Amino acid sequence: MDRTTCCVVGGGPAGMVLALLLARAGVGVTVLEKHGDFLRDFRGDTVHPSTLALLDDLGLAERFARLPQRRVTTIQLPIGRDRSLVTVGDIGALHGRYDYIAMVPQWDLLDLLADEARREPSFSLRMNTEATSFLVEPVAAHPAGARAGAPGRVTGVRYRTPDGRSGELRATLTVACDGRGSLARSLPELRLRRFPCPMDAWWFRLPRREEDPHGLVGGVGDRFLTALIDRGDYWQCAVLIPKGSDGGRRAAGLEPFTAAVAAAVPWLADRVHTLRSWDQVKLLDVRLDRLRRWHRPGLLCIGDAAHAMSPVFGIGINLAVEDAVAAARYLVGPLRAGAVGPRDVRRVQRRRRPTTVATQALQRTAHARVIEPLLAGRPPFGDPGRAQRLAELLTTSRWLRRVPAYFLAYGAVRERPPSAALR
């Protein structure tokens, strides 16, 4: 049986950022990652200015700049006359050093964070190690300050490896960073709240040419929406389809789909033929939900484990990173002291919950007013002319384009890392 001060379940962006910050502050931290590497395709690869500023604070800006990346400064949607592209968010107009979104393969970012964390003697990363259940210590008969019926304290996890080995890892605090399929979500006292989603997403790649548009580009087809992410030599493409329609659309064949993509984005018509099999198109079951409670004694949930975000605005990763930064700032002191109480983990949720609620409210509004009508063949906002008036307003007002750009870049609240983690 092993022991650590903080057990981080999941080696995604939230888990690796939290582990790096804690290790730099001298806290013993062990990350359990069930996969053997970080190579998963079609994950969120957008690194927003808030995360770029964090990497700068940590002394990692130069190393990050050497990673293969594409810089995006504008968000364009086909809401002009005759479906012309209109810039609805101008990140390049923001003040500050980081006036762009960096499109970087997520595995490169995670490798960078892991390599830096390994320099700290208090850090340990265990790949191919899956947490299977929590270790729970029952509440004593009359513990001081405990409520009747309160859940026991989480004291670590049980784990297993692909070779059949199993074990236990005890910890002062366990942090669930293992995404929307988190082990913690099965705990009834955390009370998962789900919101309806009108769509699922298909992910695939198409070749990109130098004369193509730049940045993040949207398109509208027959009952589907496209979002194209500029990755240099290819487009990482997302198509939003009505919820639950994946099976029927695949049964109709690949050719009607590629023809619909060509009709929605005419300048891609000469390369949709590169999609030769449905195996090249991956389905994402879109969810929007959050835990009512992100914690119980000995356990904290952050990132997608606490709140699964819609792909709308593409800010899920950066919200997860901000969760990790806030958690590190509040927990470094208690973890150093070797005692983390309910008040300590509660402070993290109180800090981060308002941003989560506000972001999800905006996503739900976008679902109801824009995405659901378009997927049903109706005009957005219930008025065919409203989108056109919005396009004209955005075209003439550079300042208005900064509002969605700032929200996309930094979110509602900017988090600062603990001073002990800075270099």
Protein backbone atom coordinates (compact mmCIF):
# COMPACT_ATOMS: atom_id res chain seq x y z
CA MET A 1 0.00 0.00 0.00
CA ASP A 2 1.41 3.36 -1.13
CA ARG A 3 0.86 6.81 0.24
CA THR A 4 0.97 10.36 -1.14
CA THR A 5 -0.23 13.75 0.03
CA CYS A 6 -2.43 14.46 -3.03
CA CYS A 7 -3.68 11.79 -5.42
CA VAL A 8 -4.74 13.26 -8.78
CA VAL A 9 -6.97 10.91 -10.79
CA GLY A 10 -6.59 11.68 -14.50
CA GLY A 11 -3.68 13.13 -16.47
CA GLY A 12 -5.59 15.62 -18.61
CA PRO A 13 -4.99 19.38 -18.64
CA ALA A 14 -6.62 19.99 -15.24
CA GLY A 15 -4.81 17.09 -13.58
CA MET A 16 -1.38 17.89 -14.99
CA VAL A 17 -1.62 21.63 -14.25
CA LEU A 18 -2.73 20.96 -10.68
CA ALA A 19 0.01 18.37 -10.15
CA LEU A 20 2.71 20.70 -11.50
CA LEU A 21 1.62 23.61 -9.30
CA LEU A 22 1.43 21.45 -6.17
CA ALA A 23 4.75 19.72 -6.83
CA ARG A 24 6.51 23.04 -7.35
CA ALA A 25 5.11 24.18 -4.00
CA GLY A 26 6.66 21.13 -2.32
CA VAL A 27 3.49 19.04 -1.99
CA GLY A 28 3.79 15.31 -2.62
CA VAL A 29 1.52 14.51 -5.55
CA THR A 30 0.87 11.34 -7.55
CA VAL A 31 -1.04 11.35 -10.85
CA LEU A 32 -2.84 8.19 -12.00
CA GLU A 33 -3.46 8.06 -15.75
CA LYS A 34 -5.22 5.00 -17.13
CA HIS A 35 -3.70 5.27 -20.64
CA GLY A 36 -0.14 4.50 -21.61
CA ASP A 37 0.37 7.87 -23.34
CA PHE A 38 -1.44 11.12 -24.07
CA LEU A 39 -2.06 10.38 -27.76
CA ARG A 40 -5.81 10.77 -28.20
CA ASP A 41 -7.07 12.44 -31.39
CA PHE A 42 -9.90 14.96 -31.67
CA ARG A 43 -9.44 16.28 -28.18
CA GLY A 44 -9.71 19.97 -27.50
CA ASP A 45 -6.50 21.55 -28.76
CA THR A 46 -7.29 25.21 -28.13
CA VAL A 47 -4.94 26.95 -25.71
CA HIS A 48 -6.48 30.31 -24.90
CA PRO A 49 -4.74 33.50 -23.70
CA SER A 50 -5.58 32.73 -20.05
CA THR A 51 -3.65 29.45 -20.28
CA LEU A 52 -0.85 31.05 -22.32
CA ALA A 53 -0.44 33.66 -19.56
CA LEU A 54 -0.29 30.86 -16.97
CA LEU A 55 2.48 29.08 -18.90
CA ASP A 56 4.35 32.37 -19.00
CA ASP A 57 3.97 32.76 -15.22
CA LEU A 58 5.40 29.26 -14.80
CA GLY A 59 8.43 30.02 -16.97
CA LEU A 60 7.27 27.68 -19.75
CA ALA A 61 6.42 30.22 -22.45
CA GLU A 62 9.57 29.66 -24.51
CA ARG A 63 9.28 25.87 -24.42
CA PHE A 64 5.61 26.09 -25.35
CA ALA A 65 6.39 28.43 -28.25
CA ARG A 66 8.64 25.75 -29.74
CA LEU A 67 5.76 23.27 -29.99
CA PRO A 68 4.11 22.89 -33.43
CA GLN A 69 1.16 25.25 -33.36
CA ARG A 70 -1.14 27.48 -35.34
CA ARG A 71 -2.16 30.89 -34.02
CA VAL A 72 -5.77 31.98 -34.44
CA THR A 73 -6.86 35.60 -33.97
CA THR A 74 -10.38 35.70 -35.42
CA ILE A 75 -13.65 33.81 -35.24
CA GLN A 76 -15.71 33.93 -38.44
CA LEU A 77 -19.29 32.85 -39.12
CA PRO A 78 -21.20 32.80 -42.45
CA ILE A 79 -23.86 35.26 -41.31
CA GLY A 80 -23.24 37.99 -43.90
CA ARG A 81 -25.14 38.47 -47.12
CA ASP A 82 -25.02 35.37 -49.33
CA ARG A 83 -23.38 33.50 -46.44
CA SER A 84 -20.25 35.63 -46.54
CA LEU A 85 -17.90 35.21 -43.56
CA VAL A 86 -18.21 37.86 -40.84
CA THR A 87 -15.70 38.28 -38.00
CA VAL A 88 -17.69 37.92 -34.78
CA GLY A 89 -14.71 37.77 -32.41
CA ASP A 90 -11.43 39.62 -32.88
CA ILE A 91 -8.94 38.27 -30.36
CA GLY A 92 -6.13 40.11 -32.13
CA ALA A 93 -7.76 43.40 -31.07
CA LEU A 94 -7.33 42.61 -27.36
CA HIS A 95 -4.61 44.29 -25.37
CA GLY A 96 -1.83 42.20 -23.87
CA ARG A 97 0.95 39.91 -24.95
CA TYR A 98 -1.30 36.99 -25.81
CA ASP A 99 -3.78 38.21 -28.39
CA TYR A 100 -4.34 34.84 -30.06
CA ILE A 101 -5.48 31.27 -29.47
CA ALA A 102 -2.75 28.66 -29.94
CA MET A 103 -3.87 25.48 -31.66
CA VAL A 104 -1.54 22.85 -30.22
CA PRO A 105 -2.02 19.06 -30.14
CA GLN A 106 -3.11 18.34 -26.59
CA TRP A 107 -0.60 15.52 -26.22
CA ASP A 108 2.23 17.97 -26.81
CA LEU A 109 0.94 20.27 -24.08
CA LEU A 110 0.51 17.37 -21.65
CA ASP A 111 3.99 16.04 -22.42
CA LEU A 112 5.41 19.51 -21.71
CA LEU A 113 3.62 19.72 -18.35
CA ALA A 114 4.64 16.18 -17.40
CA ASP A 115 8.30 16.76 -18.32
CA GLU A 116 8.39 19.93 -16.23
CA ALA A 117 6.67 18.27 -13.27
CA ARG A 118 9.18 15.39 -13.30
CA ARG A 119 11.86 17.90 -12.31
CA GLU A 120 10.20 18.13 -8.90
CA PRO A 121 11.16 15.39 -6.43
CA SER A 122 7.66 15.34 -4.92
CA PHE A 123 5.95 14.47 -8.24
CA SER A 124 5.05 11.02 -9.54
CA LEU A 125 3.18 10.07 -12.72
CA ARG A 126 1.87 6.52 -13.07
CA MET A 127 0.72 5.71 -16.59
CA ASN A 128 -1.39 2.63 -17.37
CA THR A 129 -2.90 2.92 -13.89
CA GLU A 130 -6.67 3.15 -13.61
CA ALA A 131 -8.45 4.16 -10.42
CA THR A 132 -11.26 1.65 -9.86
CA SER A 133 -12.83 2.77 -6.56
CA PHE A 134 -12.35 5.08 -3.62
CA LEU A 135 -10.98 4.11 -0.24
CA VAL A 136 -13.45 5.40 2.35
CA GLU A 137 -12.93 5.67 6.08
CA PRO A 138 -16.22 5.40 8.00
CA VAL A 139 -17.25 8.32 10.17
CA ALA A 140 -16.63 7.64 13.85
CA ALA A 141 -19.60 7.25 16.15
CA HIS A 142 -19.45 10.81 17.49
CA PRO A 143 -16.88 12.77 15.48
CA ALA A 144 -16.50 16.40 16.42
CA GLY A 145 -18.57 18.59 14.10
CA ALA A 146 -19.84 15.71 11.93
CA ARG A 147 -23.45 15.61 10.75
CA ALA A 148 -25.58 12.54 11.26
CA GLY A 149 -25.47 10.44 8.10
CA ALA A 150 -22.48 12.33 6.69
CA PRO A 151 -20.44 10.32 4.16
CA GLY A 152 -17.16 8.84 5.26
CA ARG A 153 -13.86 10.42 4.37
CA VAL A 154 -12.18 9.47 1.09
CA THR A 155 -8.65 8.39 1.97
CA GLY A 156 -7.37 7.42 -1.48
CA VAL A 157 -8.14 5.01 -4.32
CA ARG A 158 -7.83 1.43 -5.40
CA TYR A 159 -6.20 0.97 -8.77
CA ARG A 160 -5.33 -1.66 -11.35
CA THR A 161 -2.90 -1.94 -14.26
CA PRO A 162 -3.26 -3.76 -17.63
CA ASP A 163 -1.12 -6.67 -16.40
CA GLY A 164 -3.71 -7.46 -13.71
CA ARG A 165 -1.82 -5.91 -10.80
CA SER A 166 -3.93 -4.00 -8.28
CA GLY A 167 -3.18 -1.93 -5.25
CA GLU A 168 -4.17 0.94 -3.01
CA LEU A 169 -2.90 4.51 -2.88
CA ARG A 170 -3.66 6.42 0.30
CA ALA A 171 -3.81 10.21 0.19
CA THR A 172 -4.63 13.20 2.36
CA LEU A 173 -6.70 14.54 -0.55
CA THR A 174 -7.93 12.88 -3.74
CA VAL A 175 -8.74 15.17 -6.69
CA ALA A 176 -10.91 13.78 -9.49
CA CYS A 177 -9.72 15.15 -12.85
CA ASP A 178 -10.86 12.16 -14.92
CA GLY A 179 -13.43 13.88 -17.11
CA ARG A 180 -17.13 13.45 -17.57
CA GLY A 181 -16.80 9.68 -17.05
CA SER A 182 -15.27 10.33 -13.64
CA LEU A 183 -15.38 7.72 -10.94
CA ALA A 184 -16.63 10.44 -8.58
CA ARG A 185 -19.81 10.99 -10.58
CA SER A 186 -21.23 7.73 -9.27
CA LEU A 187 -21.32 9.17 -5.74
CA PRO A 188 -24.98 10.07 -5.09
CA GLU A 189 -24.22 12.80 -2.57
CA LEU A 190 -22.53 14.91 -5.29
CA ARG A 191 -25.85 15.02 -7.23
CA LEU A 192 -25.25 15.35 -10.93
CA ARG A 193 -27.53 17.87 -12.68
CA ARG A 194 -28.02 17.40 -16.44
CA PHE A 195 -29.21 19.92 -19.02
CA PRO A 196 -30.74 19.01 -22.39
CA CYS A 197 -28.45 19.20 -25.42
CA PRO A 198 -29.91 19.46 -28.93
CA MET A 199 -26.87 18.11 -30.72
CA ASP A 200 -24.06 15.61 -31.04
CA ALA A 201 -20.80 16.26 -32.90
CA TRP A 202 -18.84 14.51 -35.62
CA TRP A 203 -15.08 15.09 -35.78
CA PHE A 204 -12.92 14.50 -38.86
CA ARG A 205 -10.08 16.03 -40.88
CA LEU A 206 -9.89 17.60 -44.32
CA PRO A 207 -6.82 18.95 -46.15
CA ARG A 208 -6.16 22.68 -45.90
CA ARG A 209 -4.68 24.95 -48.57
CA GLU A 210 -2.85 28.22 -48.14
CA GLU A 211 -5.53 30.23 -49.95
CA ASP A 212 -8.24 29.00 -47.53
CA PRO A 213 -9.59 31.31 -44.79
CA HIS A 214 -7.64 31.51 -41.54
CA GLY A 215 -8.67 31.06 -37.94
CA LEU A 216 -11.86 29.49 -36.63
CA VAL A 217 -14.46 29.31 -39.40
CA GLY A 218 -18.12 28.31 -39.14
CA GLY A 219 -20.60 27.10 -41.76
CA VAL A 220 -24.29 26.25 -41.99
CA GLY A 221 -25.65 23.24 -43.89
CA ASP A 222 -28.97 21.45 -44.20
CA ARG A 223 -29.83 20.79 -40.56
CA PHE A 224 -26.23 20.77 -39.42
CA LEU A 225 -23.53 23.26 -38.46
CA THR A 226 -19.82 23.11 -39.17
CA ALA A 227 -16.88 24.48 -37.21
CA LEU A 228 -13.45 24.40 -38.87
CA ILE A 229 -10.28 24.74 -36.83
CA ASP A 230 -7.22 25.92 -38.76
CA ARG A 231 -4.39 23.44 -38.04
CA GLY A 232 -1.99 24.61 -40.75
CA ASP A 233 -1.92 21.77 -43.25
CA TYR A 234 -5.38 20.42 -42.38
CA TRP A 235 -8.75 21.47 -41.02
CA GLN A 236 -9.94 19.84 -37.83
CA CYS A 237 -13.65 19.77 -38.61
CA ALA A 238 -16.67 19.48 -36.35
CA VAL A 239 -20.21 18.97 -37.61
CA LEU A 240 -23.08 19.45 -35.18
CA ILE A 241 -26.01 17.13 -35.91
CA PRO A 242 -29.37 16.69 -34.13
CA LYS A 243 -29.06 14.67 -30.94
CA GLY A 244 -29.39 10.94 -31.52
CA SER A 245 -29.29 11.16 -35.33
CA ASP A 246 -25.86 9.54 -35.77
CA GLY A 247 -27.11 6.03 -36.57
CA GLY A 248 -29.67 7.09 -39.16
CA ARG A 249 -27.29 9.44 -40.95
CA ARG A 250 -24.56 6.84 -41.15
CA ALA A 251 -27.05 4.32 -42.53
CA ALA A 252 -27.89 6.78 -45.33
CA GLY A 253 -24.31 6.52 -46.57
CA LEU A 254 -21.20 8.67 -46.64
CA GLU A 255 -21.85 10.30 -50.02
CA PRO A 256 -24.91 12.34 -48.93
CA PHE A 257 -22.90 13.61 -45.97
CA THR A 258 -19.88 14.72 -47.99
CA ALA A 259 -22.20 16.40 -50.51
CA ALA A 260 -23.89 18.28 -47.67
CA VAL A 261 -20.52 19.44 -46.31
CA ALA A 262 -19.54 20.69 -49.78
CA ALA A 263 -22.82 22.59 -50.04
CA ALA A 264 -22.35 24.18 -46.63
CA VAL A 265 -18.69 25.11 -47.20
CA PRO A 266 -18.29 25.43 -50.99
CA TRP A 267 -14.53 26.03 -50.92
CA LEU A 268 -14.09 22.55 -49.38
CA ALA A 269 -15.99 20.82 -52.22
CA ASP A 270 -12.81 19.74 -54.03
CA ARG A 271 -11.48 17.73 -51.06
CA VAL A 272 -14.44 16.12 -49.28
CA HIS A 273 -13.65 13.00 -51.33
CA THR A 274 -10.74 12.35 -48.93
CA LEU A 275 -13.39 11.03 -46.53
CA ARG A 276 -13.64 7.45 -47.76
CA SER A 277 -15.05 5.69 -44.71
CA TRP A 278 -17.20 6.41 -41.68
CA ASP A 279 -14.22 5.19 -39.65
CA GLN A 280 -12.68 8.62 -40.33
CA VAL A 281 -15.64 10.34 -38.64
CA LYS A 282 -15.70 10.14 -34.83
CA LEU A 283 -18.83 10.74 -32.77
CA LEU A 284 -18.84 12.93 -29.66
CA ASP A 285 -21.89 12.49 -27.44
CA VAL A 286 -22.35 16.12 -26.38
CA ARG A 287 -23.32 16.63 -22.76
CA LEU A 288 -23.90 19.64 -20.57
CA ASP A 289 -24.05 19.01 -16.84
CA ARG A 290 -22.49 19.84 -13.50
CA LEU A 291 -22.27 18.44 -9.99
CA ARG A 292 -24.28 20.27 -7.36
CA ARG A 293 -21.45 19.51 -4.94
CA TRP A 294 -17.87 19.19 -6.13
CA HIS A 295 -16.54 17.72 -2.91
CA ARG A 296 -16.96 15.45 0.06
CA PRO A 297 -14.48 14.85 2.92
CA GLY A 298 -11.14 13.96 1.36
CA LEU A 299 -12.33 14.42 -2.25
CA LEU A 300 -12.53 17.33 -4.72
CA CYS A 301 -13.75 17.30 -8.34
CA ILE A 302 -12.55 19.84 -10.90
CA GLY A 303 -12.66 20.26 -14.68
CA ASP A 304 -14.99 18.02 -16.67
CA ALA A 305 -15.36 15.75 -13.64
CA ALA A 306 -17.23 18.62 -11.96
CA HIS A 307 -18.84 20.16 -15.05
CA ALA A 308 -19.07 18.76 -18.57
CA MET A 309 -19.20 21.63 -21.05
CA SER A 310 -20.74 21.92 -24.49
CA PRO A 311 -18.27 22.47 -27.36
CA VAL A 312 -19.92 25.88 -27.90
CA PHE A 313 -17.23 28.60 -27.49
CA GLY A 314 -14.54 25.89 -27.19
CA ILE A 315 -13.52 26.89 -23.67
CA GLY A 316 -13.90 23.64 -21.72
CA ILE A 317 -10.15 22.99 -21.46
CA ASN A 318 -9.35 26.48 -20.28
CA LEU A 319 -12.10 26.40 -17.64
CA ALA A 320 -10.60 23.14 -16.39
CA VAL A 321 -7.14 24.69 -16.23
CA GLU A 322 -8.53 27.68 -14.30
CA ASP A 323 -10.17 25.23 -11.87
CA ALA A 324 -6.77 23.64 -11.31
CA VAL A 325 -5.06 26.99 -10.70
CA ALA A 326 -7.69 28.05 -8.16
CA ALA A 327 -7.54 24.65 -6.44
CA ALA A 328 -3.76 24.84 -6.13
CA ARG A 329 -3.92 28.35 -4.68
CA TYR A 330 -6.43 27.37 -2.00
CA LEU A 331 -5.00 23.94 -1.16
CA VAL A 332 -1.22 24.42 -1.05
CA GLY A 333 -1.29 25.60 2.58
CA PRO A 334 -3.59 22.87 3.95
CA LEU A 335 -1.74 20.15 2.02
CA ARG A 336 1.60 21.34 3.34
CA ALA A 337 0.13 21.20 6.83
CA GLY A 338 -1.12 17.67 6.17
CA ALA A 339 -4.77 18.37 6.92
CA VAL A 340 -7.43 19.34 4.38
CA GLY A 341 -10.83 20.07 5.87
CA PRO A 342 -14.27 20.46 4.30
CA ARG A 343 -13.88 24.24 4.39
CA ASP A 344 -10.77 24.06 2.20
CA VAL A 345 -12.37 22.09 -0.66
CA ARG A 346 -15.61 24.07 -0.31
CA ARG A 347 -13.69 27.27 -1.04
CA VAL A 348 -12.62 25.92 -4.43
CA GLN A 349 -16.21 25.28 -5.49
CA ARG A 350 -17.35 28.67 -4.20
CA ARG A 351 -14.66 30.35 -6.24
CA ARG A 352 -15.20 28.47 -9.49
CA ARG A 353 -18.92 27.68 -9.50
CA PRO A 354 -20.15 31.16 -10.57
CA THR A 355 -17.96 31.09 -13.69
CA THR A 356 -19.18 27.58 -14.51
CA VAL A 357 -22.84 28.52 -14.06
CA ALA A 358 -22.48 31.68 -16.16
CA THR A 359 -20.67 29.87 -18.97
CA GLN A 360 -23.18 27.04 -19.07
CA ALA A 361 -26.04 29.57 -19.08
CA LEU A 362 -24.54 31.19 -22.18
CA GLN A 363 -24.09 27.79 -23.80
CA ARG A 364 -27.70 26.86 -23.04
CA THR A 365 -28.85 30.14 -24.59
CA ALA A 366 -26.80 29.41 -27.71
CA HIS A 367 -28.31 25.91 -27.83
CA ALA A 368 -31.87 27.21 -27.60
CA ARG A 369 -31.66 30.38 -29.73
CA VAL A 370 -29.17 29.40 -32.43
CA ILE A 371 -28.20 25.72 -32.63
CA GLU A 372 -31.55 24.01 -32.06
CA PRO A 373 -33.43 26.21 -34.60
CA LEU A 374 -30.75 25.72 -37.26
CA LEU A 375 -30.68 21.95 -36.74
CA ALA A 376 -34.48 21.95 -37.12
CA GLY A 377 -34.35 24.03 -40.31
CA ARG A 378 -35.62 27.23 -38.65
CA PRO A 379 -33.95 30.67 -38.59
CA PRO A 380 -31.90 31.51 -35.47
CA PHE A 381 -33.39 33.90 -32.89
CA GLY A 382 -36.79 33.20 -34.45
CA ASP A 383 -36.28 35.98 -36.99
CA PRO A 384 -34.58 35.60 -40.40
CA GLY A 385 -33.43 39.20 -40.34
CA ARG A 386 -31.98 39.29 -36.86
CA ALA A 387 -28.78 37.42 -37.75
CA GLN A 388 -28.32 39.77 -40.68
CA ARG A 389 -28.69 42.83 -38.46
CA LEU A 390 -26.21 41.34 -36.01
CA ALA A 391 -23.74 40.73 -38.83
CA GLU A 392 -24.02 44.35 -39.97
CA LEU A 393 -23.52 45.60 -36.42
CA LEU A 394 -20.42 43.45 -35.91
CA THR A 395 -19.03 44.54 -39.26
CA THR A 396 -19.21 48.20 -38.29
CA SER A 397 -18.17 47.94 -34.61
CA ARG A 398 -14.69 46.71 -33.81
CA TRP A 399 -15.33 47.32 -30.10
CA LEU A 400 -18.34 45.02 -30.11
CA ARG A 401 -16.22 42.24 -31.57
CA ARG A 402 -13.97 42.51 -28.52
CA VAL A 403 -16.71 41.41 -26.11
CA PRO A 404 -17.03 37.79 -27.31
CA ALA A 405 -13.28 37.77 -27.94
CA TYR A 406 -12.45 38.70 -24.35
CA PHE A 407 -14.86 36.12 -22.94
CA LEU A 408 -13.38 33.47 -25.22
CA ALA A 409 -9.84 34.48 -24.26
CA TYR A 410 -10.13 34.83 -20.49
CA GLY A 411 -13.55 33.68 -19.32
CA ALA A 412 -15.40 35.49 -16.56
CA VAL A 413 -12.65 35.33 -13.90
CA ARG A 414 -8.88 35.11 -14.25
CA GLU A 415 -7.07 32.89 -11.76
CA ARG A 416 -3.54 33.43 -10.41
CA PRO A 417 -1.27 30.52 -9.45
CA PRO A 418 0.20 30.21 -5.94
CA SER A 419 3.39 32.21 -5.61
CA ALA A 420 5.32 29.13 -4.46
CA ALA A 421 4.79 27.57 -7.92
CA LEU A 422 6.18 30.47 -9.93
CA ARG A 423 9.57 30.42 -11.65
